Amino acid sequence: MGYGEWQLSSSSDVPIQQDLTSCGIFCLKYLERYIRNTDTTAPLQVEDERLNIGVEIIQALQPLPKSCHQCHKGPFYMRRCNFCLRSGVCNLCSCASPLNYW
């Protein structure tokens, strides 16, 4: 098969959009699941996923603080919390509950 030739294939076990506006959500979430090696066939809650994508974009645009929001040490090895995804925790800290973020 050369560079100009494409082979069309489809799969019946992945979620399919039911409207004309959710194709981006389906593409992004399929790729995310594929890359993370998670279940690509699980159903999508489009409105929830749309909100989650918006939150992730806004969080990614926030600058990292100068110190960890948990232990107040820093500014070395800053990252996002694995629990709440908030920017600005050091490698040793993580939130105990989502209430620490809000």
Protein backbone atom coordinates (compact mmCIF):
# COMPACT_ATOMS: atom_id res chain seq x y z
CA MET A 1 0.00 0.00 0.00
CA GLY A 2 1.51 3.35 -1.07
CA TYR A 3 1.27 6.70 0.63
CA GLY A 4 -1.73 7.75 -1.45
CA GLU A 5 -3.74 4.64 -0.70
CA TRP A 6 -5.90 4.18 2.39
CA GLN A 7 -7.72 1.17 3.66
CA LEU A 8 -11.08 1.85 5.30
CA SER A 9 -11.93 -0.17 8.38
CA SER A 10 -14.44 0.20 11.18
CA SER A 11 -15.19 -1.28 14.56
CA SER A 12 -18.64 -1.88 15.97
CA ASP A 13 -17.61 -2.04 19.62
CA VAL A 14 -16.70 1.63 20.22
CA PRO A 15 -19.17 4.34 21.30
CA ILE A 16 -20.76 6.26 18.41
CA GLN A 17 -22.03 9.80 18.62
CA GLN A 18 -25.77 10.27 18.30
CA ASP A 19 -25.72 13.96 17.32
CA LEU A 20 -23.93 16.35 14.98
CA THR A 21 -21.83 18.17 17.59
CA SER A 22 -19.97 15.60 19.71
CA CYS A 23 -17.43 14.25 17.22
CA GLY A 24 -14.52 16.11 18.86
CA ILE A 25 -15.38 14.73 22.29
CA PHE A 26 -15.57 11.19 20.91
CA CYS A 27 -12.25 11.55 19.08
CA LEU A 28 -10.42 13.04 22.07
CA LYS A 29 -11.77 10.53 24.58
CA TYR A 30 -11.13 7.57 22.26
CA LEU A 31 -7.51 8.65 21.77
CA GLU A 32 -7.08 9.29 25.49
CA ARG A 33 -8.41 5.83 26.35
CA TYR A 34 -6.31 4.21 23.62
CA ILE A 35 -3.10 5.93 24.76
CA ARG A 36 -3.78 5.09 28.42
CA ASN A 37 -4.60 1.51 27.43
CA THR A 38 -8.05 1.65 29.06
CA ASP A 39 -11.42 0.42 27.81
CA THR A 40 -12.18 2.16 24.50
CA THR A 41 -15.60 0.50 24.33
CA ALA A 42 -17.02 2.02 27.53
CA PRO A 43 -19.94 4.40 26.94
CA LEU A 44 -19.31 8.14 27.03
CA GLN A 45 -21.25 10.68 29.05
CA VAL A 46 -20.76 13.48 26.53
CA GLU A 47 -21.76 16.43 28.74
CA ASP A 48 -19.56 15.21 31.60
CA GLU A 49 -16.63 14.64 29.25
CA ARG A 50 -17.11 18.06 27.66
CA LEU A 51 -16.93 19.67 31.11
CA ASN A 52 -13.89 17.57 32.09
CA ILE A 53 -12.03 18.62 28.95
CA GLY A 54 -12.77 22.27 29.70
CA VAL A 55 -11.52 21.90 33.28
CA GLU A 56 -8.34 20.16 32.09
CA ILE A 57 -7.64 22.97 29.61
CA ILE A 58 -8.15 25.67 32.25
CA GLN A 59 -5.98 23.82 34.77
CA ALA A 60 -3.22 23.33 32.22
CA LEU A 61 -3.12 27.09 31.60
CA GLN A 62 -2.62 27.92 35.29
CA PRO A 63 0.97 28.76 36.23
CA LEU A 64 2.64 26.59 38.83
CA PRO A 65 2.84 28.31 42.22
CA LYS A 66 6.18 29.06 43.85
CA SER A 67 5.60 26.57 46.65
CA CYS A 68 3.64 23.37 47.28
CA HIS A 69 0.05 24.06 48.32
CA GLN A 70 0.24 21.19 50.85
CA CYS A 71 3.60 21.51 52.64
CA HIS A 72 4.52 25.04 51.42
CA LYS A 73 8.02 23.94 50.43
CA GLY A 74 9.42 24.45 47.01
CA PRO A 75 9.96 25.44 44.24
CA PHE A 76 11.61 22.18 43.16
CA TYR A 77 9.92 19.28 41.41
CA MET A 78 6.47 20.82 41.17
CA ARG A 79 3.72 18.73 39.52
CA ARG A 80 -0.02 18.21 39.45
CA CYS A 81 -1.63 16.36 42.34
CA ASN A 82 -2.54 12.80 41.31
CA PHE A 83 -5.76 13.00 43.30
CA CYS A 84 -7.30 16.39 42.48
CA LEU A 85 -5.09 17.36 39.47
CA ARG A 86 -4.41 20.77 41.04
CA SER A 87 -1.20 22.37 39.86
CA GLY A 88 1.57 22.93 42.33
CA VAL A 89 2.30 20.07 44.66
CA CYS A 90 5.79 18.78 45.30
CA ASN A 91 6.77 15.19 44.55
CA LEU A 92 6.15 14.15 48.17
CA CYS A 93 2.64 15.56 48.63
CA SER A 94 -0.84 14.69 47.43
CA CYS A 95 -4.32 15.69 48.59
CA ALA A 96 -6.03 13.46 51.12
CA SER A 97 -9.46 14.37 49.79
CA PRO A 98 -11.01 16.57 47.11
CA LEU A 99 -12.04 19.01 49.85
CA ASN A 100 -8.43 20.15 50.10
CA TYR A 101 -8.70 21.61 46.61
CA TRP A 102 -11.94 23.50 46.96
